[in-house]
Amino acid sequence: MSTLLPHTTTTQSQSAVSATQAGEDALRNTPAGRKLLKAAQEFEAHLISSWWQEAEKDLDDRSGGTLGSGLDGLKGFAMNAVAMGIVGAGGLGIARMIFHSLEPALRRNLQDSGHLPGPKGVVDSQ
């Protein structure tokens, strides 16, 4: 038999998630946040592209078919463009994980430099 959490607990957790999301959105709207997010997305796109190129190379090796060196370079650009499109549409979540893991350090750095206000009612003890 399952037990349900009281409605207030669910509402409180939804409020906490909304507050966290608002804090992350505010951080992403800073120049440093946009730069970090862009770098994380570029990393994810590069990773997807390299996985795809390795898979393609394996298929070429198995079939014995190869393209000319000019077409290989063009195919690399196409794979990078498609990978950036995949990331732009949400990707695999790697960029989000990178941003989320680095977000506390970025927040501290921006708060220390005065580019981002600290949490309401919290006094920094440093």
C-alpha atoms as a PDB file:
ATOM      1  CA  MET A   1       0.000   0.000   0.000  1.00  0.00           C
ATOM      2  CA  SER A   2       1.427   3.369  -0.958  1.00  0.00           C
ATOM      3  CA  THR A   3       1.305   6.438   1.215  1.00  0.00           C
ATOM      4  CA  LEU A   4       0.857   9.880  -0.217  1.00  0.00           C
ATOM      5  CA  LEU A   5       2.731  12.880   1.033  1.00  0.00           C
ATOM      6  CA  PRO A   6       0.632  15.702   2.425  1.00  0.00           C
ATOM      7  CA  HIS A   7      -0.287  18.386  -0.098  1.00  0.00           C
ATOM      8  CA  THR A   8       1.747  21.013   1.769  1.00  0.00           C
ATOM      9  CA  THR A   9       4.922  18.947   1.402  1.00  0.00           C
ATOM     10  CA  THR A  10       4.362  18.622  -2.354  1.00  0.00           C
ATOM     11  CA  THR A  11       3.659  22.346  -2.642  1.00  0.00           C
ATOM     12  CA  GLN A  12       6.739  23.168  -0.585  1.00  0.00           C
ATOM     13  CA  SER A  13       8.953  20.966  -2.772  1.00  0.00           C
ATOM     14  CA  GLN A  14       7.500  22.546  -5.909  1.00  0.00           C
ATOM     15  CA  SER A  15       8.294  25.985  -4.457  1.00  0.00           C
ATOM     16  CA  ALA A  16      11.855  24.906  -3.681  1.00  0.00           C
ATOM     17  CA  VAL A  17      12.297  23.597  -7.241  1.00  0.00           C
ATOM     18  CA  SER A  18      10.884  26.855  -8.638  1.00  0.00           C
ATOM     19  CA  ALA A  19      13.251  28.914  -6.461  1.00  0.00           C
ATOM     20  CA  THR A  20      16.219  26.781  -7.509  1.00  0.00           C
ATOM     21  CA  GLN A  21      15.247  27.115 -11.175  1.00  0.00           C
ATOM     22  CA  ALA A  22      14.883  30.886 -10.801  1.00  0.00           C
ATOM     23  CA  GLY A  23      18.358  31.069  -9.232  1.00  0.00           C
ATOM     24  CA  GLU A  24      19.874  29.016 -12.060  1.00  0.00           C
ATOM     25  CA  ASP A  25      18.094  31.161 -14.670  1.00  0.00           C
ATOM     26  CA  ALA A  26      19.452  34.333 -13.045  1.00  0.00           C
ATOM     27  CA  LEU A  27      22.946  32.862 -13.105  1.00  0.00           C
ATOM     28  CA  ARG A  28      22.615  31.826 -16.767  1.00  0.00           C
ATOM     29  CA  ASN A  29      21.687  35.398 -17.665  1.00  0.00           C
ATOM     30  CA  THR A  30      25.023  36.765 -16.449  1.00  0.00           C
ATOM     31  CA  PRO A  31      27.878  37.088 -18.969  1.00  0.00           C
ATOM     32  CA  ALA A  32      29.905  34.481 -17.061  1.00  0.00           C
ATOM     33  CA  GLY A  33      26.911  32.127 -16.882  1.00  0.00           C
ATOM     34  CA  ARG A  34      26.284  32.431 -20.621  1.00  0.00           C
ATOM     35  CA  LYS A  35      29.973  31.798 -21.288  1.00  0.00           C
ATOM     36  CA  LEU A  36      29.980  28.682 -19.067  1.00  0.00           C
ATOM     37  CA  LEU A  37      26.789  27.354 -20.646  1.00  0.00           C
ATOM     38  CA  LYS A  38      28.152  27.946 -24.164  1.00  0.00           C
ATOM     39  CA  ALA A  39      31.401  26.137 -23.306  1.00  0.00           C
ATOM     40  CA  ALA A  40      29.466  23.215 -21.790  1.00  0.00           C
ATOM     41  CA  GLN A  41      27.248  23.004 -24.885  1.00  0.00           C
ATOM     42  CA  GLU A  42      30.249  23.128 -27.214  1.00  0.00           C
ATOM     43  CA  PHE A  43      31.879  20.344 -25.198  1.00  0.00           C
ATOM     44  CA  GLU A  44      28.729  18.215 -25.446  1.00  0.00           C
ATOM     45  CA  ALA A  45      28.502  18.850 -29.203  1.00  0.00           C
ATOM     46  CA  HIS A  46      32.171  17.914 -29.652  1.00  0.00           C
ATOM     47  CA  LEU A  47      31.610  14.733 -27.653  1.00  0.00           C
ATOM     48  CA  ILE A  48      28.530  13.765 -29.699  1.00  0.00           C
ATOM     49  CA  SER A  49      30.373  14.530 -32.933  1.00  0.00           C
ATOM     50  CA  SER A  50      33.406  12.454 -31.949  1.00  0.00           C
ATOM     51  CA  TRP A  51      31.181   9.499 -30.954  1.00  0.00           C
ATOM     52  CA  TRP A  52      29.385   9.786 -34.270  1.00  0.00           C
ATOM     53  CA  GLN A  53      32.641   9.993 -36.236  1.00  0.00           C
ATOM     54  CA  GLU A  54      33.997   6.897 -34.473  1.00  0.00           C
ATOM     55  CA  ALA A  55      30.791   4.996 -35.237  1.00  0.00           C
ATOM     56  CA  GLU A  56      30.967   6.125 -38.877  1.00  0.00           C
ATOM     57  CA  LYS A  57      34.633   5.115 -39.096  1.00  0.00           C
ATOM     58  CA  ASP A  58      33.787   1.680 -37.712  1.00  0.00           C
ATOM     59  CA  LEU A  59      31.041   1.264 -40.316  1.00  0.00           C
ATOM     60  CA  ASP A  60      33.417   2.370 -43.100  1.00  0.00           C
ATOM     61  CA  ASP A  61      36.046  -0.118 -41.884  1.00  0.00           C
ATOM     62  CA  ARG A  62      33.510  -2.951 -41.902  1.00  0.00           C
ATOM     63  CA  SER A  63      32.093  -2.127 -45.338  1.00  0.00           C
ATOM     64  CA  GLY A  64      35.450  -1.281 -46.910  1.00  0.00           C
ATOM     65  CA  GLY A  65      34.048   2.009 -48.220  1.00  0.00           C
ATOM     66  CA  THR A  66      35.784   5.330 -47.774  1.00  0.00           C
ATOM     67  CA  LEU A  67      35.191   8.844 -49.016  1.00  0.00           C
ATOM     68  CA  GLY A  68      37.809  11.120 -50.504  1.00  0.00           C
ATOM     69  CA  SER A  69      39.719  13.334 -48.086  1.00  0.00           C
ATOM     70  CA  GLY A  70      37.749  16.436 -49.198  1.00  0.00           C
ATOM     71  CA  LEU A  71      34.442  14.760 -48.495  1.00  0.00           C
ATOM     72  CA  ASP A  72      35.731  13.436 -45.156  1.00  0.00           C
ATOM     73  CA  GLY A  73      36.401  17.021 -44.041  1.00  0.00           C
ATOM     74  CA  LEU A  74      32.989  18.148 -45.247  1.00  0.00           C
ATOM     75  CA  LYS A  75      31.357  15.231 -43.441  1.00  0.00           C
ATOM     76  CA  GLY A  76      33.165  16.320 -40.239  1.00  0.00           C
ATOM     77  CA  PHE A  77      31.696  19.828 -40.538  1.00  0.00           C
ATOM     78  CA  ALA A  78      28.245  18.343 -41.155  1.00  0.00           C
ATOM     79  CA  MET A  79      28.547  16.093 -38.106  1.00  0.00           C
ATOM     80  CA  ASN A  80      29.596  19.064 -35.956  1.00  0.00           C
ATOM     81  CA  ALA A  81      26.643  21.120 -37.224  1.00  0.00           C
ATOM     82  CA  VAL A  82      24.184  18.303 -36.511  1.00  0.00           C
ATOM     83  CA  ALA A  83      25.731  17.752 -33.069  1.00  0.00           C
ATOM     84  CA  MET A  84      25.298  21.473 -32.250  1.00  0.00           C
ATOM     85  CA  GLY A  85      21.684  21.183 -33.412  1.00  0.00           C
ATOM     86  CA  ILE A  86      21.155  18.211 -31.108  1.00  0.00           C
ATOM     87  CA  VAL A  87      22.656  20.161 -28.188  1.00  0.00           C
ATOM     88  CA  GLY A  88      20.586  23.235 -29.066  1.00  0.00           C
ATOM     89  CA  ALA A  89      17.440  21.107 -28.858  1.00  0.00           C
ATOM     90  CA  GLY A  90      18.324  19.868 -25.377  1.00  0.00           C
ATOM     91  CA  GLY A  91      21.032  17.371 -26.201  1.00  0.00           C
ATOM     92  CA  LEU A  92      21.841  14.410 -24.020  1.00  0.00           C
ATOM     93  CA  GLY A  93      21.908  16.496 -20.847  1.00  0.00           C
ATOM     94  CA  ILE A  94      25.695  16.549 -20.567  1.00  0.00           C
ATOM     95  CA  ALA A  95      25.915  20.349 -20.871  1.00  0.00           C
ATOM     96  CA  ARG A  96      23.217  20.743 -18.194  1.00  0.00           C
ATOM     97  CA  MET A  97      25.108  18.391 -15.872  1.00  0.00           C
ATOM     98  CA  ILE A  98      28.362  20.291 -16.405  1.00  0.00           C
ATOM     99  CA  PHE A  99      26.661  23.649 -15.820  1.00  0.00           C
ATOM    100  CA  HIS A 100      24.857  22.332 -12.744  1.00  0.00           C
ATOM    101  CA  SER A 101      28.051  20.892 -11.239  1.00  0.00           C
ATOM    102  CA  LEU A 102      29.996  24.127 -11.814  1.00  0.00           C
ATOM    103  CA  GLU A 103      27.111  26.429 -10.860  1.00  0.00           C
ATOM    104  CA  PRO A 104      27.987  26.708  -7.123  1.00  0.00           C
ATOM    105  CA  ALA A 105      31.574  27.780  -7.875  1.00  0.00           C
ATOM    106  CA  LEU A 106      30.396  30.281 -10.489  1.00  0.00           C
ATOM    107  CA  ARG A 107      27.780  31.666  -8.090  1.00  0.00           C
ATOM    108  CA  ARG A 108      30.404  32.127  -5.329  1.00  0.00           C
ATOM    109  CA  ASN A 109      32.785  33.796  -7.765  1.00  0.00           C
ATOM    110  CA  LEU A 110      30.112  36.210  -9.014  1.00  0.00           C
ATOM    111  CA  GLN A 111      28.911  36.978  -5.484  1.00  0.00           C
ATOM    112  CA  ASP A 112      32.476  37.621  -4.304  1.00  0.00           C
ATOM    113  CA  SER A 113      33.063  39.994  -7.202  1.00  0.00           C
ATOM    114  CA  GLY A 114      29.742  41.791  -6.602  1.00  0.00           C
ATOM    115  CA  HIS A 115      28.244  40.794  -9.959  1.00  0.00           C
ATOM    116  CA  LEU A 116      25.489  38.682  -8.386  1.00  0.00           C
ATOM    117  CA  PRO A 117      23.625  39.466  -5.173  1.00  0.00           C
ATOM    118  CA  GLY A 118      23.773  36.891  -2.409  1.00  0.00           C
ATOM    119  CA  PRO A 119      20.722  35.003  -1.160  1.00  0.00           C
ATOM    120  CA  LYS A 120      18.129  37.156   0.600  1.00  0.00           C
ATOM    121  CA  GLY A 121      18.714  37.473   4.304  1.00  0.00           C
ATOM    122  CA  VAL A 122      22.019  35.603   4.208  1.00  0.00           C
ATOM    123  CA  VAL A 123      25.056  37.398   5.503  1.00  0.00           C
ATOM    124  CA  ASP A 124      28.386  36.113   4.244  1.00  0.00           C
ATOM    125  CA  SER A 125      30.548  35.249   7.251  1.00  0.00           C
ATOM    126  CA  GLN A 126      33.870  35.390   5.387  1.00  0.00           C
END
